[in-house]
Amino acid sequence: MTRFAPYLLSLVLLFVTACGGGSDQQQTENQTAETQATEQTDNIRTIEVIGIDRMKYVVENDAEGITTGDEVGDYLLLESITAAPGEELRIRLHTESEMPAQAMSHNFVLLTMDADAQAFANAAAQARDNEYIPADREDQIIAHSDLAAGGETVEVTFTVPEETGEYDYLCSFTGHFAGGMVGTLNVEE
């Protein structure tokens, strides 16, 4: 049996390399290509948002349907998103942070028009065990993503409300609303 061990080891290594091979870069490129192909076929407008340690939603550049503000490092502050009633919208949120997840994570929570964003954020601070989504206020949420720690990306796809007006969105992680990680979805005809 021992004289076959080198051959068996070589065979196992060949199998592992062939089946599970590929660098992280190759896997990321494949996932990016798959994501782009899906977006082209599903016709859902996707907004790429970045959550940073300064507790802000930022974007890389101006795009149609968003309003940006001051520069924040290499990015632009995301102030608002404009959408049509009934439009399908995808928010893809990537967190840039070197801090541990329990100290810095971000999500995207879109509230109903009548929700009190400050009261929601206060309740969210007490909902750590539920990823900062207060169970007693879920009726005030139109859509929300999971939390994304540093290097992670999450997304949420939703149908924009039919009623025109302003809807607040925020990061419900403790202290991020107070830090200014908020914005407005403007629903306009």
C-alpha atoms as a PDB file:
ATOM      1  CA  MET A   1       0.000   0.000   0.000  1.00  0.00           C
ATOM      2  CA  THR A   2       2.782   2.444   0.811  1.00  0.00           C
ATOM      3  CA  ARG A   3       4.360   2.161  -2.651  1.00  0.00           C
ATOM      4  CA  PHE A   4       1.103   3.561  -4.137  1.00  0.00           C
ATOM      5  CA  ALA A   5       0.947   6.520  -1.721  1.00  0.00           C
ATOM      6  CA  PRO A   6       2.930   8.973  -3.930  1.00  0.00           C
ATOM      7  CA  TYR A   7       0.720   8.158  -6.919  1.00  0.00           C
ATOM      8  CA  LEU A   8      -2.448   8.434  -4.874  1.00  0.00           C
ATOM      9  CA  LEU A   9      -1.333  11.796  -3.472  1.00  0.00           C
ATOM     10  CA  SER A  10      -0.573  13.085  -6.973  1.00  0.00           C
ATOM     11  CA  LEU A  11      -3.971  11.933  -8.192  1.00  0.00           C
ATOM     12  CA  VAL A  12      -5.766  13.629  -5.289  1.00  0.00           C
ATOM     13  CA  LEU A  13      -3.862  16.896  -5.876  1.00  0.00           C
ATOM     14  CA  LEU A  14      -4.706  16.787  -9.582  1.00  0.00           C
ATOM     15  CA  PHE A  15      -8.382  16.217  -8.779  1.00  0.00           C
ATOM     16  CA  VAL A  16      -8.521  19.052  -6.221  1.00  0.00           C
ATOM     17  CA  THR A  17      -6.775  21.462  -8.590  1.00  0.00           C
ATOM     18  CA  ALA A  18      -9.066  20.584 -11.481  1.00  0.00           C
ATOM     19  CA  CYS A  19     -12.325  20.718  -9.519  1.00  0.00           C
ATOM     20  CA  GLY A  20     -11.837  23.474  -7.009  1.00  0.00           C
ATOM     21  CA  GLY A  21      -9.042  25.382  -8.628  1.00  0.00           C
ATOM     22  CA  GLY A  22      -8.951  28.944  -9.620  1.00  0.00           C
ATOM     23  CA  SER A  23      -7.667  31.885  -7.735  1.00  0.00           C
ATOM     24  CA  ASP A  24      -9.818  34.251  -5.723  1.00  0.00           C
ATOM     25  CA  GLN A  25      -9.332  36.777  -8.519  1.00  0.00           C
ATOM     26  CA  GLN A  26     -10.666  34.311 -11.103  1.00  0.00           C
ATOM     27  CA  GLN A  27     -13.652  33.509  -8.888  1.00  0.00           C
ATOM     28  CA  THR A  28     -14.338  37.230  -8.354  1.00  0.00           C
ATOM     29  CA  GLU A  29     -14.108  37.879 -12.096  1.00  0.00           C
ATOM     30  CA  ASN A  30     -16.519  35.006 -12.758  1.00  0.00           C
ATOM     31  CA  GLN A  31     -18.966  36.303 -10.140  1.00  0.00           C
ATOM     32  CA  THR A  32     -18.724  39.832 -11.568  1.00  0.00           C
ATOM     33  CA  ALA A  33     -19.421  38.546 -15.080  1.00  0.00           C
ATOM     34  CA  GLU A  34     -22.400  36.527 -13.793  1.00  0.00           C
ATOM     35  CA  THR A  35     -23.744  39.562 -11.924  1.00  0.00           C
ATOM     36  CA  GLN A  36     -23.417  41.806 -14.982  1.00  0.00           C
ATOM     37  CA  ALA A  37     -25.137  39.227 -17.188  1.00  0.00           C
ATOM     38  CA  THR A  38     -28.015  38.949 -14.702  1.00  0.00           C
ATOM     39  CA  GLU A  39     -28.405  42.732 -14.512  1.00  0.00           C
ATOM     40  CA  GLN A  40     -28.538  43.007 -18.289  1.00  0.00           C
ATOM     41  CA  THR A  41     -31.342  40.463 -18.505  1.00  0.00           C
ATOM     42  CA  ASP A  42     -33.420  41.512 -15.502  1.00  0.00           C
ATOM     43  CA  ASN A  43     -33.551  45.267 -16.342  1.00  0.00           C
ATOM     44  CA  ILE A  44     -33.380  46.276 -12.693  1.00  0.00           C
ATOM     45  CA  ARG A  45     -31.563  49.557 -12.056  1.00  0.00           C
ATOM     46  CA  THR A  46     -28.692  48.880  -9.697  1.00  0.00           C
ATOM     47  CA  ILE A  47     -27.107  51.531  -7.524  1.00  0.00           C
ATOM     48  CA  GLU A  48     -23.640  50.699  -6.239  1.00  0.00           C
ATOM     49  CA  VAL A  49     -23.266  52.163  -2.747  1.00  0.00           C
ATOM     50  CA  ILE A  50     -20.249  52.031  -0.457  1.00  0.00           C
ATOM     51  CA  GLY A  51     -20.424  52.184   3.326  1.00  0.00           C
ATOM     52  CA  ILE A  52     -17.335  53.682   4.932  1.00  0.00           C
ATOM     53  CA  ASP A  53     -15.941  54.006   8.451  1.00  0.00           C
ATOM     54  CA  ARG A  54     -16.980  57.663   8.596  1.00  0.00           C
ATOM     55  CA  MET A  55     -20.590  56.384   8.776  1.00  0.00           C
ATOM     56  CA  LYS A  56     -21.605  57.642   5.364  1.00  0.00           C
ATOM     57  CA  TYR A  57     -23.130  56.192   2.217  1.00  0.00           C
ATOM     58  CA  VAL A  58     -20.893  57.173  -0.678  1.00  0.00           C
ATOM     59  CA  VAL A  59     -20.640  56.458  -4.402  1.00  0.00           C
ATOM     60  CA  GLU A  60     -17.726  56.452  -6.812  1.00  0.00           C
ATOM     61  CA  ASN A  61     -19.260  58.990  -9.202  1.00  0.00           C
ATOM     62  CA  ASP A  62     -22.398  60.846 -10.207  1.00  0.00           C
ATOM     63  CA  ALA A  63     -25.024  58.830 -12.036  1.00  0.00           C
ATOM     64  CA  GLU A  64     -28.506  59.442 -13.323  1.00  0.00           C
ATOM     65  CA  GLY A  65     -31.114  59.165 -10.603  1.00  0.00           C
ATOM     66  CA  ILE A  66     -28.877  59.990  -7.647  1.00  0.00           C
ATOM     67  CA  THR A  67     -27.934  63.233  -5.960  1.00  0.00           C
ATOM     68  CA  THR A  68     -24.447  63.529  -4.523  1.00  0.00           C
ATOM     69  CA  GLY A  69     -22.885  66.014  -2.180  1.00  0.00           C
ATOM     70  CA  ASP A  70     -19.418  66.791  -0.912  1.00  0.00           C
ATOM     71  CA  GLU A  71     -16.371  64.678  -1.557  1.00  0.00           C
ATOM     72  CA  VAL A  72     -15.648  62.185   1.195  1.00  0.00           C
ATOM     73  CA  GLY A  73     -12.123  60.915   0.604  1.00  0.00           C
ATOM     74  CA  ASP A  74     -12.085  59.417  -2.888  1.00  0.00           C
ATOM     75  CA  TYR A  75     -15.893  59.267  -3.059  1.00  0.00           C
ATOM     76  CA  LEU A  76     -18.986  61.444  -3.271  1.00  0.00           C
ATOM     77  CA  LEU A  77     -21.546  61.571  -0.491  1.00  0.00           C
ATOM     78  CA  LEU A  78     -24.813  59.911  -1.558  1.00  0.00           C
ATOM     79  CA  GLU A  79     -27.621  62.255  -0.529  1.00  0.00           C
ATOM     80  CA  SER A  80     -30.671  60.921  -2.348  1.00  0.00           C
ATOM     81  CA  ILE A  81     -32.006  58.506  -4.925  1.00  0.00           C
ATOM     82  CA  THR A  82     -34.820  59.361  -7.336  1.00  0.00           C
ATOM     83  CA  ALA A  83     -37.076  56.615  -8.681  1.00  0.00           C
ATOM     84  CA  ALA A  84     -40.407  56.211 -10.430  1.00  0.00           C
ATOM     85  CA  PRO A  85     -43.419  54.661  -8.689  1.00  0.00           C
ATOM     86  CA  GLY A  86     -43.373  50.891  -9.145  1.00  0.00           C
ATOM     87  CA  GLU A  87     -39.799  50.814 -10.470  1.00  0.00           C
ATOM     88  CA  GLU A  88     -37.657  47.821  -9.542  1.00  0.00           C
ATOM     89  CA  LEU A  89     -34.522  49.008  -7.760  1.00  0.00           C
ATOM     90  CA  ARG A  90     -31.476  47.135  -6.517  1.00  0.00           C
ATOM     91  CA  ILE A  91     -29.153  48.594  -3.900  1.00  0.00           C
ATOM     92  CA  ARG A  92     -25.787  46.864  -3.766  1.00  0.00           C
ATOM     93  CA  LEU A  93     -23.912  47.911  -0.634  1.00  0.00           C
ATOM     94  CA  HIS A  94     -20.203  47.230  -0.178  1.00  0.00           C
ATOM     95  CA  THR A  95     -18.514  47.993   3.137  1.00  0.00           C
ATOM     96  CA  GLU A  96     -14.964  49.316   3.174  1.00  0.00           C
ATOM     97  CA  SER A  97     -13.514  48.875   6.638  1.00  0.00           C
ATOM     98  CA  GLU A  98     -10.602  47.255   8.422  1.00  0.00           C
ATOM     99  CA  MET A  99     -12.512  47.242  11.715  1.00  0.00           C
ATOM    100  CA  PRO A 100     -14.068  44.058  13.135  1.00  0.00           C
ATOM    101  CA  ALA A 101     -17.708  43.395  12.176  1.00  0.00           C
ATOM    102  CA  GLN A 102     -19.026  44.036  15.692  1.00  0.00           C
ATOM    103  CA  ALA A 103     -17.489  47.525  15.582  1.00  0.00           C
ATOM    104  CA  MET A 104     -18.309  48.523  11.986  1.00  0.00           C
ATOM    105  CA  SER A 105     -20.905  47.015   9.699  1.00  0.00           C
ATOM    106  CA  HIS A 106     -23.458  48.634   7.434  1.00  0.00           C
ATOM    107  CA  ASN A 107     -26.896  47.882   6.040  1.00  0.00           C
ATOM    108  CA  PHE A 108     -29.506  49.665   3.966  1.00  0.00           C
ATOM    109  CA  VAL A 109     -32.990  50.083   5.439  1.00  0.00           C
ATOM    110  CA  LEU A 110     -35.748  51.841   3.478  1.00  0.00           C
ATOM    111  CA  LEU A 111     -38.556  53.076   5.703  1.00  0.00           C
ATOM    112  CA  THR A 112     -42.191  53.774   4.962  1.00  0.00           C
ATOM    113  CA  MET A 113     -43.124  57.394   4.364  1.00  0.00           C
ATOM    114  CA  ASP A 114     -44.782  57.798   7.770  1.00  0.00           C
ATOM    115  CA  ALA A 115     -41.955  56.204   9.772  1.00  0.00           C
ATOM    116  CA  ASP A 116     -40.016  58.323  12.250  1.00  0.00           C
ATOM    117  CA  ALA A 117     -36.389  57.638  11.258  1.00  0.00           C
ATOM    118  CA  GLN A 118     -34.974  58.854  14.591  1.00  0.00           C
ATOM    119  CA  ALA A 119     -37.334  56.640  16.616  1.00  0.00           C
ATOM    120  CA  PHE A 120     -36.548  53.718  14.301  1.00  0.00           C
ATOM    121  CA  ALA A 121     -32.793  54.219  14.767  1.00  0.00           C
ATOM    122  CA  ASN A 122     -33.231  54.404  18.551  1.00  0.00           C
ATOM    123  CA  ALA A 123     -35.148  51.114  18.526  1.00  0.00           C
ATOM    124  CA  ALA A 124     -32.599  49.547  16.166  1.00  0.00           C
ATOM    125  CA  ALA A 125     -29.798  50.249  18.646  1.00  0.00           C
ATOM    126  CA  GLN A 126     -31.524  47.822  21.019  1.00  0.00           C
ATOM    127  CA  ALA A 127     -31.917  45.087  18.364  1.00  0.00           C
ATOM    128  CA  ARG A 128     -28.340  43.827  18.160  1.00  0.00           C
ATOM    129  CA  ASP A 129     -29.448  40.175  18.230  1.00  0.00           C
ATOM    130  CA  ASN A 130     -31.635  40.817  15.152  1.00  0.00           C
ATOM    131  CA  GLU A 131     -28.915  42.583  13.101  1.00  0.00           C
ATOM    132  CA  TYR A 132     -30.217  45.977  14.275  1.00  0.00           C
ATOM    133  CA  ILE A 133     -33.663  45.471  12.755  1.00  0.00           C
ATOM    134  CA  PRO A 134     -36.231  46.079  15.533  1.00  0.00           C
ATOM    135  CA  ALA A 135     -38.896  43.351  15.342  1.00  0.00           C
ATOM    136  CA  ASP A 136     -41.574  45.665  16.723  1.00  0.00           C
ATOM    137  CA  ARG A 137     -41.014  48.116  13.830  1.00  0.00           C
ATOM    138  CA  GLU A 138     -40.824  45.748  10.865  1.00  0.00           C
ATOM    139  CA  ASP A 139     -44.112  47.216   9.613  1.00  0.00           C
ATOM    140  CA  GLN A 140     -42.173  50.469   9.006  1.00  0.00           C
ATOM    141  CA  ILE A 141     -39.685  48.790   6.645  1.00  0.00           C
ATOM    142  CA  ILE A 142     -40.175  48.629   2.893  1.00  0.00           C
ATOM    143  CA  ALA A 143     -36.892  46.792   2.298  1.00  0.00           C
ATOM    144  CA  HIS A 144     -33.613  46.116   4.046  1.00  0.00           C
ATOM    145  CA  SER A 145     -30.328  44.387   3.366  1.00  0.00           C
ATOM    146  CA  ASP A 146     -28.331  42.199   5.687  1.00  0.00           C
ATOM    147  CA  LEU A 147     -25.354  43.688   7.504  1.00  0.00           C
ATOM    148  CA  ALA A 148     -22.080  43.852   5.588  1.00  0.00           C
ATOM    149  CA  ALA A 149     -18.783  43.886   7.468  1.00  0.00           C
ATOM    150  CA  GLY A 150     -15.528  45.142   5.952  1.00  0.00           C
ATOM    151  CA  GLY A 151     -14.946  43.661   2.507  1.00  0.00           C
ATOM    152  CA  GLU A 152     -18.462  42.234   2.275  1.00  0.00           C
ATOM    153  CA  THR A 153     -21.180  43.150  -0.200  1.00  0.00           C
ATOM    154  CA  VAL A 154     -24.929  42.750   0.301  1.00  0.00           C
ATOM    155  CA  GLU A 155     -27.834  43.748  -1.853  1.00  0.00           C
ATOM    156  CA  VAL A 156     -31.559  44.235  -1.663  1.00  0.00           C
ATOM    157  CA  THR A 157     -33.989  44.427  -4.568  1.00  0.00           C
ATOM    158  CA  PHE A 158     -37.405  45.988  -4.070  1.00  0.00           C
ATOM    159  CA  THR A 159     -40.317  47.614  -5.824  1.00  0.00           C
ATOM    160  CA  VAL A 160     -40.457  51.365  -5.278  1.00  0.00           C
ATOM    161  CA  PRO A 161     -43.717  52.425  -3.556  1.00  0.00           C
ATOM    162  CA  GLU A 162     -46.515  53.666  -5.798  1.00  0.00           C
ATOM    163  CA  GLU A 163     -47.175  56.728  -3.627  1.00  0.00           C
ATOM    164  CA  THR A 164     -45.004  59.683  -4.610  1.00  0.00           C
ATOM    165  CA  GLY A 165     -43.077  61.452  -1.892  1.00  0.00           C
ATOM    166  CA  GLU A 166     -39.955  61.179   0.245  1.00  0.00           C
ATOM    167  CA  TYR A 167     -38.915  57.978   1.985  1.00  0.00           C
ATOM    168  CA  ASP A 168     -35.974  57.887   4.401  1.00  0.00           C
ATOM    169  CA  TYR A 169     -33.282  55.255   4.186  1.00  0.00           C
ATOM    170  CA  LEU A 170     -30.628  54.676   6.810  1.00  0.00           C
ATOM    171  CA  CYS A 171     -28.030  52.356   8.239  1.00  0.00           C
ATOM    172  CA  SER A 172     -29.517  50.893  11.413  1.00  0.00           C
ATOM    173  CA  PHE A 173     -26.177  49.850  12.977  1.00  0.00           C
ATOM    174  CA  THR A 174     -25.789  51.572  16.340  1.00  0.00           C
ATOM    175  CA  GLY A 175     -24.815  55.224  16.030  1.00  0.00           C
ATOM    176  CA  HIS A 176     -24.757  55.356  12.234  1.00  0.00           C
ATOM    177  CA  PHE A 177     -28.011  57.312  11.873  1.00  0.00           C
ATOM    178  CA  ALA A 178     -26.662  59.936  14.286  1.00  0.00           C
ATOM    179  CA  GLY A 179     -23.391  59.904  12.324  1.00  0.00           C
ATOM    180  CA  GLY A 180     -25.245  60.864   9.148  1.00  0.00           C
ATOM    181  CA  MET A 181     -25.617  57.539   7.374  1.00  0.00           C
ATOM    182  CA  VAL A 182     -29.018  58.503   5.975  1.00  0.00           C
ATOM    183  CA  GLY A 183     -30.622  59.644   2.764  1.00  0.00           C
ATOM    184  CA  THR A 184     -33.913  60.055   0.936  1.00  0.00           C
ATOM    185  CA  LEU A 185     -35.615  58.040  -1.761  1.00  0.00           C
ATOM    186  CA  ASN A 186     -37.597  60.550  -3.817  1.00  0.00           C
ATOM    187  CA  VAL A 187     -40.462  58.844  -5.599  1.00  0.00           C
ATOM    188  CA  GLU A 188     -41.500  61.001  -8.537  1.00  0.00           C
ATOM    189  CA  GLU A 189     -43.642  60.532 -11.655  1.00  0.00           C
END
